[in-house]
């Protein structure tokens, strides 16, 4: 049986941590280790975690953005061959680790990343994540170029943090989560670096649940008005990739830059420096939009667009 450690970062998620841990303990294939890393919580979340038998609770002395440093501490502490991640406000179906275990055992040795499908819980109900399109409805192993292509095809990263497992040695070799480089999007940065090390096996069957109505969500934070940390990673990768893969990476850098700018524009005027590496000849229309978002009217126009989108959704 595969040796899997579950790593859960915890920061002010007292109302949710029991749900997450209960789902881990219900697994049909039991994990070898369960590590909760308290990132200086100010509620009763750590106490709740310590009340569970078999759960190791580690503590950090200051909180880190995105839970990246907390996850890194869990990875370094773990003794297992594989790490499965679960955010403290998310949940697994009972067969999640069983599915990952089967995928790991039936994969070539050079496969380093494994991801299942997931559902999203919004305030309005449960939906199927669009990421299901990533594999054409079937389980398969993606090469690095296929991983980037799938990202572009379905408009988001082909794997999601609370629905993956990764080889511990590969995580360390890839440099772990960018806890000193990123406030947002650092998980995607790591999955891209990891996918370059070996194969990524994806399974569209949903075995995890992403709660988007939780308390103290990282995704509810405002975006930094800076160049996305993943762009630096992509620019480094481009130098040693063949032309076809380099083209995919440039398109991915443009996409992530543009999406990040759109989210930033909801709360502030977009700085030109945040999209300085955008390649306009790949996406001239998006380049024009970026120019507009960086103009003095950029933020008010973005706010108007958000309001109009909400009104059209209600109609």
Protein backbone atom coordinates (compact mmCIF):
# COMPACT_ATOMS: atom_id res chain seq x y z
CA UNK A 1 0.00 0.00 0.00
CA UNK A 2 1.17 3.54 -0.77
CA UNK A 3 2.57 5.59 2.11
CA UNK A 4 0.57 8.85 2.08
CA UNK A 5 0.78 11.76 4.51
CA UNK A 6 -2.10 14.24 4.68
CA UNK A 7 -0.97 17.85 5.20
CA UNK A 8 -3.53 20.44 6.32
CA UNK A 9 -2.59 24.12 6.84
CA UNK A 10 -4.74 25.79 9.51
CA UNK A 11 -5.36 29.50 10.05
CA UNK A 12 -8.57 30.65 11.73
CA UNK A 13 -10.66 27.79 10.34
CA UNK A 14 -12.15 26.61 13.63
CA UNK A 15 -15.67 26.30 12.18
CA UNK A 16 -14.44 23.96 9.41
CA UNK A 17 -11.47 21.90 10.60
CA UNK A 18 -13.57 19.12 12.18
CA UNK A 19 -15.36 18.56 8.86
CA UNK A 20 -12.02 18.26 7.06
CA UNK A 21 -10.51 15.89 9.63
CA UNK A 22 -13.65 13.76 9.81
CA UNK A 23 -13.45 13.26 6.05
CA UNK A 24 -9.80 12.16 6.37
CA UNK A 25 -10.62 9.65 9.09
CA UNK A 26 -13.48 8.18 7.02
CA UNK A 27 -11.13 7.23 4.16
CA UNK A 28 -11.38 3.65 2.95
CA UNK A 29 -7.58 3.71 2.55
CA UNK A 30 -6.06 5.18 5.68
CA UNK A 31 -3.20 7.69 5.51
CA UNK A 32 0.11 6.84 7.15
CA UNK A 33 0.28 10.31 8.73
CA UNK A 34 -2.01 13.28 9.32
CA UNK A 35 -0.20 16.57 9.90
CA UNK A 36 -2.06 19.79 10.74
CA UNK A 37 0.10 22.92 10.70
CA UNK A 38 -1.28 25.76 12.83
CA UNK A 39 -0.37 29.05 11.16
CA UNK A 40 -0.93 31.21 14.29
CA UNK A 41 -4.71 30.73 14.50
CA UNK A 42 -6.63 33.02 16.83
CA UNK A 43 -9.62 30.69 17.24
CA UNK A 44 -10.15 27.18 18.61
CA UNK A 45 -9.08 25.37 15.40
CA UNK A 46 -5.78 24.03 16.81
CA UNK A 47 -7.51 22.74 19.95
CA UNK A 48 -10.09 20.94 17.83
CA UNK A 49 -7.32 19.35 15.73
CA UNK A 50 -5.43 18.20 18.85
CA UNK A 51 -8.55 16.45 20.12
CA UNK A 52 -8.30 13.91 17.27
CA UNK A 53 -6.28 10.76 17.92
CA UNK A 54 -3.48 10.19 15.46
CA UNK A 55 -3.33 13.81 14.29
CA UNK A 56 0.05 15.54 14.65
CA UNK A 57 -0.33 19.31 15.15
CA UNK A 58 2.67 21.52 14.36
CA UNK A 59 2.81 25.24 15.14
CA UNK A 60 4.43 28.17 13.39
CA UNK A 61 5.28 31.41 15.15
CA UNK A 62 3.93 33.76 12.48
CA UNK A 63 1.35 33.33 9.73
CA UNK A 64 2.46 33.02 6.12
CA UNK A 65 0.44 34.01 3.04
CA UNK A 66 -1.64 31.33 1.37
CA UNK A 67 -0.62 28.65 3.83
CA UNK A 68 2.50 28.02 1.71
CA UNK A 69 5.02 28.04 4.56
CA UNK A 70 2.69 25.85 6.65
CA UNK A 71 2.45 23.26 3.88
CA UNK A 72 6.23 23.36 3.41
CA UNK A 73 6.72 22.60 7.11
CA UNK A 74 4.32 19.66 6.81
CA UNK A 75 6.17 18.31 3.76
CA UNK A 76 9.55 18.56 5.47
CA UNK A 77 8.22 16.86 8.62
CA UNK A 78 6.45 14.01 6.83
CA UNK A 79 8.01 10.53 6.61
CA UNK A 80 5.71 9.21 3.86
CA UNK A 81 6.54 8.79 0.19
CA UNK A 82 3.56 10.85 -0.98
CA UNK A 83 1.83 13.99 0.27
CA UNK A 84 -1.91 14.60 -0.13
CA UNK A 85 -3.05 18.15 0.57
CA UNK A 86 -6.34 19.24 2.08
CA UNK A 87 -7.30 22.77 3.04
CA UNK A 88 -8.91 23.10 6.45
CA UNK A 89 -12.23 24.25 4.97
CA UNK A 90 -12.51 21.58 2.27
CA UNK A 91 -13.54 17.92 2.37
CA UNK A 92 -12.88 14.55 0.75
CA UNK A 93 -15.27 11.82 -0.33
CA UNK A 94 -14.61 8.54 1.50
CA UNK A 95 -12.75 6.96 -1.44
CA UNK A 96 -10.47 9.91 -2.24
CA UNK A 97 -7.24 8.37 -0.92
CA UNK A 98 -8.23 4.98 -2.31
CA UNK A 99 -8.54 6.57 -5.75
CA UNK A 100 -5.18 8.32 -5.42
CA UNK A 101 -3.56 5.13 -4.09
CA UNK A 102 -4.76 3.16 -7.12
CA UNK A 103 -3.54 5.89 -9.48
CA UNK A 104 -0.11 5.95 -7.84
CA UNK A 105 0.34 2.17 -7.85
CA UNK A 106 -0.69 1.81 -11.49
CA UNK A 107 1.47 4.67 -12.80
CA UNK A 108 5.00 4.71 -14.19
CA UNK A 109 7.71 5.58 -11.66
CA UNK A 110 8.35 8.95 -13.29
CA UNK A 111 4.77 10.12 -12.59
CA UNK A 112 5.05 12.73 -9.83
CA UNK A 113 1.65 14.44 -9.59
CA UNK A 114 -1.82 12.89 -9.24
CA UNK A 115 -5.14 14.75 -9.27
CA UNK A 116 -8.82 13.85 -9.11
CA UNK A 117 -11.91 15.80 -10.01
CA UNK A 118 -13.88 17.87 -7.52
CA UNK A 119 -17.16 19.62 -6.92
CA UNK A 120 -17.58 23.22 -5.80
CA UNK A 121 -19.98 24.37 -3.10
CA UNK A 122 -21.12 27.94 -3.65
CA UNK A 123 -23.60 29.92 -1.53
CA UNK A 124 -26.18 28.97 -4.16
CA UNK A 125 -25.49 25.25 -4.22
CA UNK A 126 -23.21 22.55 -5.61
CA UNK A 127 -21.67 22.68 -9.09
CA UNK A 128 -19.29 20.53 -11.11
CA UNK A 129 -15.94 22.25 -11.63
CA UNK A 130 -15.12 23.15 -15.25
CA UNK A 131 -11.74 21.52 -14.78
CA UNK A 132 -13.38 18.22 -15.76
CA UNK A 133 -12.74 19.18 -19.37
CA UNK A 134 -9.01 18.81 -18.70
CA UNK A 135 -8.87 15.10 -19.52
CA UNK A 136 -11.61 14.65 -22.05
CA UNK A 137 -13.63 12.65 -19.51
CA UNK A 138 -11.04 9.91 -19.05
CA UNK A 139 -8.11 9.17 -16.80
CA UNK A 140 -4.72 9.72 -18.38
CA UNK A 141 -1.11 10.75 -17.82
CA UNK A 142 -0.14 14.21 -19.08
CA UNK A 143 3.32 15.13 -20.29
CA UNK A 144 4.51 18.63 -19.41
CA UNK A 145 3.36 20.03 -22.77
CA UNK A 146 -0.01 18.26 -22.38
CA UNK A 147 -0.33 19.70 -18.86
CA UNK A 148 0.14 23.25 -20.15
CA UNK A 149 -2.16 22.57 -23.10
CA UNK A 150 -4.88 21.25 -20.80
CA UNK A 151 -4.51 24.38 -18.66
CA UNK A 152 -5.08 26.56 -21.71
CA UNK A 153 -7.93 24.41 -23.05
CA UNK A 154 -10.02 24.45 -19.87
CA UNK A 155 -8.99 27.89 -18.62
CA UNK A 156 -7.58 26.79 -15.26
CA UNK A 157 -4.87 24.64 -13.73
CA UNK A 158 -5.49 20.93 -14.47
CA UNK A 159 -5.07 20.03 -10.79
CA UNK A 160 -6.47 21.59 -7.62
CA UNK A 161 -4.61 21.62 -4.32
CA UNK A 162 -7.16 19.79 -2.14
CA UNK A 163 -7.55 17.02 -4.72
CA UNK A 164 -3.94 16.04 -5.40
CA UNK A 165 -1.13 13.86 -4.16
CA UNK A 166 2.53 14.32 -5.05
CA UNK A 167 5.79 12.49 -4.55
CA UNK A 168 7.50 14.02 -1.53
CA UNK A 169 10.96 13.85 -3.11
CA UNK A 170 9.67 15.59 -6.24
CA UNK A 171 8.06 18.36 -4.17
CA UNK A 172 11.36 19.03 -2.43
CA UNK A 173 13.32 18.90 -5.68
CA UNK A 174 10.86 21.35 -7.28
CA UNK A 175 11.50 23.85 -4.49
CA UNK A 176 8.23 23.47 -2.51
CA UNK A 177 5.61 26.23 -2.26
CA UNK A 178 6.93 29.74 -2.99
CA UNK A 179 6.35 31.08 0.52
CA UNK A 180 8.72 34.01 0.03
CA UNK A 181 7.74 34.87 -3.55
CA UNK A 182 3.95 34.72 -3.61
CA UNK A 183 0.94 35.94 -1.69
CA UNK A 184 -1.56 34.46 -4.16
CA UNK A 185 -1.33 31.75 -6.83
CA UNK A 186 1.70 30.03 -5.33
CA UNK A 187 0.07 26.60 -5.49
CA UNK A 188 -0.31 26.85 -9.27
CA UNK A 189 3.31 27.95 -9.51
CA UNK A 190 4.39 24.77 -7.71
CA UNK A 191 2.15 22.46 -9.77
CA UNK A 192 3.65 23.89 -12.95
CA UNK A 193 7.20 23.30 -11.69
CA UNK A 194 6.26 19.81 -10.52
CA UNK A 195 4.58 18.87 -13.81
CA UNK A 196 7.85 19.64 -15.56
CA UNK A 197 9.65 17.00 -13.48
CA UNK A 198 7.52 14.06 -14.61
CA UNK A 199 4.09 12.87 -15.62
CA UNK A 200 0.83 14.15 -14.15
CA UNK A 201 -1.99 11.62 -13.86
CA UNK A 202 -5.48 13.11 -13.82
CA UNK A 203 -8.79 11.41 -13.09
CA UNK A 204 -12.01 13.40 -13.72
CA UNK A 205 -14.04 11.43 -11.14
CA UNK A 206 -14.94 13.89 -8.32
CA UNK A 207 -13.56 12.77 -4.96
CA UNK A 208 -13.10 16.15 -3.25
CA UNK A 209 -15.26 19.15 -2.40
CA UNK A 210 -14.16 22.77 -2.67
CA UNK A 211 -16.20 24.95 -0.31
CA UNK A 212 -16.36 28.49 -1.69
CA UNK A 213 -18.67 29.69 1.06
CA UNK A 214 -16.21 29.17 3.92
CA UNK A 215 -15.02 31.61 6.56
CA UNK A 216 -11.69 33.44 6.14
CA UNK A 217 -11.05 32.24 2.58
CA UNK A 218 -7.72 33.13 0.97
CA UNK A 219 -9.49 33.63 -2.36
CA UNK A 220 -11.53 36.45 -0.79
CA UNK A 221 -8.38 38.53 -0.26
CA UNK A 222 -7.60 41.39 -2.63
CA UNK A 223 -5.00 40.66 -5.30
CA UNK A 224 -1.52 42.14 -5.14
CA UNK A 225 -1.00 44.72 -7.87
CA UNK A 226 2.26 43.12 -8.97
CA UNK A 227 3.49 40.72 -11.62
CA UNK A 228 2.19 37.22 -10.85
CA UNK A 229 4.91 35.05 -9.31
CA UNK A 230 4.30 32.31 -11.88
CA UNK A 231 5.45 34.58 -14.73
CA UNK A 232 9.04 34.49 -13.46
CA UNK A 233 8.84 30.70 -13.31
CA UNK A 234 7.54 30.50 -16.89
CA UNK A 235 10.20 32.86 -18.23
CA UNK A 236 12.89 30.65 -16.70
CA UNK A 237 11.32 27.52 -18.20
CA UNK A 238 11.03 29.01 -21.69
CA UNK A 239 14.78 29.17 -22.13
CA UNK A 240 15.22 25.39 -22.22
CA UNK A 241 11.97 24.18 -23.81
CA UNK A 242 11.44 23.27 -27.50
CA UNK A 243 9.63 25.88 -29.62
CA UNK A 244 6.20 24.20 -29.43
CA UNK A 245 6.25 24.02 -25.62
CA UNK A 246 7.74 27.53 -25.40
CA UNK A 247 4.77 28.82 -27.39
CA UNK A 248 2.36 27.13 -24.97
CA UNK A 249 4.17 28.67 -22.00
CA UNK A 250 3.99 32.18 -23.48
CA UNK A 251 0.27 31.75 -24.02
CA UNK A 252 -0.11 30.52 -20.43
CA UNK A 253 1.86 33.49 -19.08
CA UNK A 254 -0.39 35.86 -21.04
CA UNK A 255 -3.51 34.13 -19.79
CA UNK A 256 -2.54 34.18 -16.14
CA UNK A 257 -1.35 37.79 -16.35
CA UNK A 258 -4.62 38.89 -17.92
CA UNK A 259 -6.82 37.00 -15.45
CA UNK A 260 -4.82 38.32 -12.51
CA UNK A 261 -5.21 41.88 -13.84
CA UNK A 262 -8.98 41.46 -14.19
CA UNK A 263 -9.27 40.36 -10.56
CA UNK A 264 -7.02 43.20 -9.39
CA UNK A 265 -9.11 45.73 -11.31
CA UNK A 266 -12.14 44.95 -9.14
CA UNK A 267 -10.52 46.80 -6.24
CA UNK A 268 -7.91 49.12 -7.76
CA UNK A 269 -6.33 50.55 -10.87
CA UNK A 270 -3.99 48.01 -12.46
CA UNK A 271 -0.31 48.95 -12.50
CA UNK A 272 1.47 48.58 -15.81
CA UNK A 273 4.33 46.86 -14.00
CA UNK A 274 2.00 43.97 -13.15
CA UNK A 275 1.69 43.03 -16.82
CA UNK A 276 5.05 44.23 -18.15
CA UNK A 277 5.88 40.77 -19.55
CA UNK A 278 2.60 40.41 -21.49
CA UNK A 279 3.22 39.55 -25.16
CA UNK A 280 0.71 41.71 -27.12
CA UNK A 281 1.17 39.96 -30.48
CA UNK A 282 -0.33 36.79 -28.98
CA UNK A 283 -3.45 38.51 -27.60
CA UNK A 284 -3.88 42.03 -29.05
CA UNK A 285 -7.43 42.43 -27.73
CA UNK A 286 -6.40 41.52 -24.18
CA UNK A 287 -3.47 43.91 -24.49
CA UNK A 288 -5.93 46.72 -25.31
CA UNK A 289 -8.00 45.78 -22.25
CA UNK A 290 -4.89 45.89 -20.06
CA UNK A 291 -4.10 49.37 -21.35
CA UNK A 292 -7.61 50.42 -20.40
CA UNK A 293 -7.39 48.89 -16.92
CA UNK A 294 -4.18 50.82 -16.34
CA UNK A 295 -5.70 54.13 -17.41
CA UNK A 296 -7.09 56.60 -14.82
CA UNK A 297 -10.57 55.22 -15.55
CA UNK A 298 -9.50 51.58 -15.28
CA UNK A 299 -10.82 50.82 -11.81
CA UNK A 300 -14.20 52.63 -12.18
CA UNK A 301 -14.83 50.90 -15.51
CA UNK A 302 -13.99 47.52 -13.98
CA UNK A 303 -16.40 48.18 -11.11
CA UNK A 304 -19.11 49.06 -13.63
CA UNK A 305 -18.43 45.84 -15.52
CA UNK A 306 -18.79 43.79 -12.32
CA UNK A 307 -22.11 45.48 -11.51
CA UNK A 308 -23.45 44.92 -15.03
CA UNK A 309 -22.43 41.25 -14.85
CA UNK A 310 -24.31 40.84 -11.55
CA UNK A 311 -27.40 42.56 -12.93
CA UNK A 312 -27.43 40.39 -16.06
CA UNK A 313 -27.13 37.27 -13.87
CA UNK A 314 -30.22 38.29 -11.89
CA UNK A 315 -32.28 39.07 -14.97
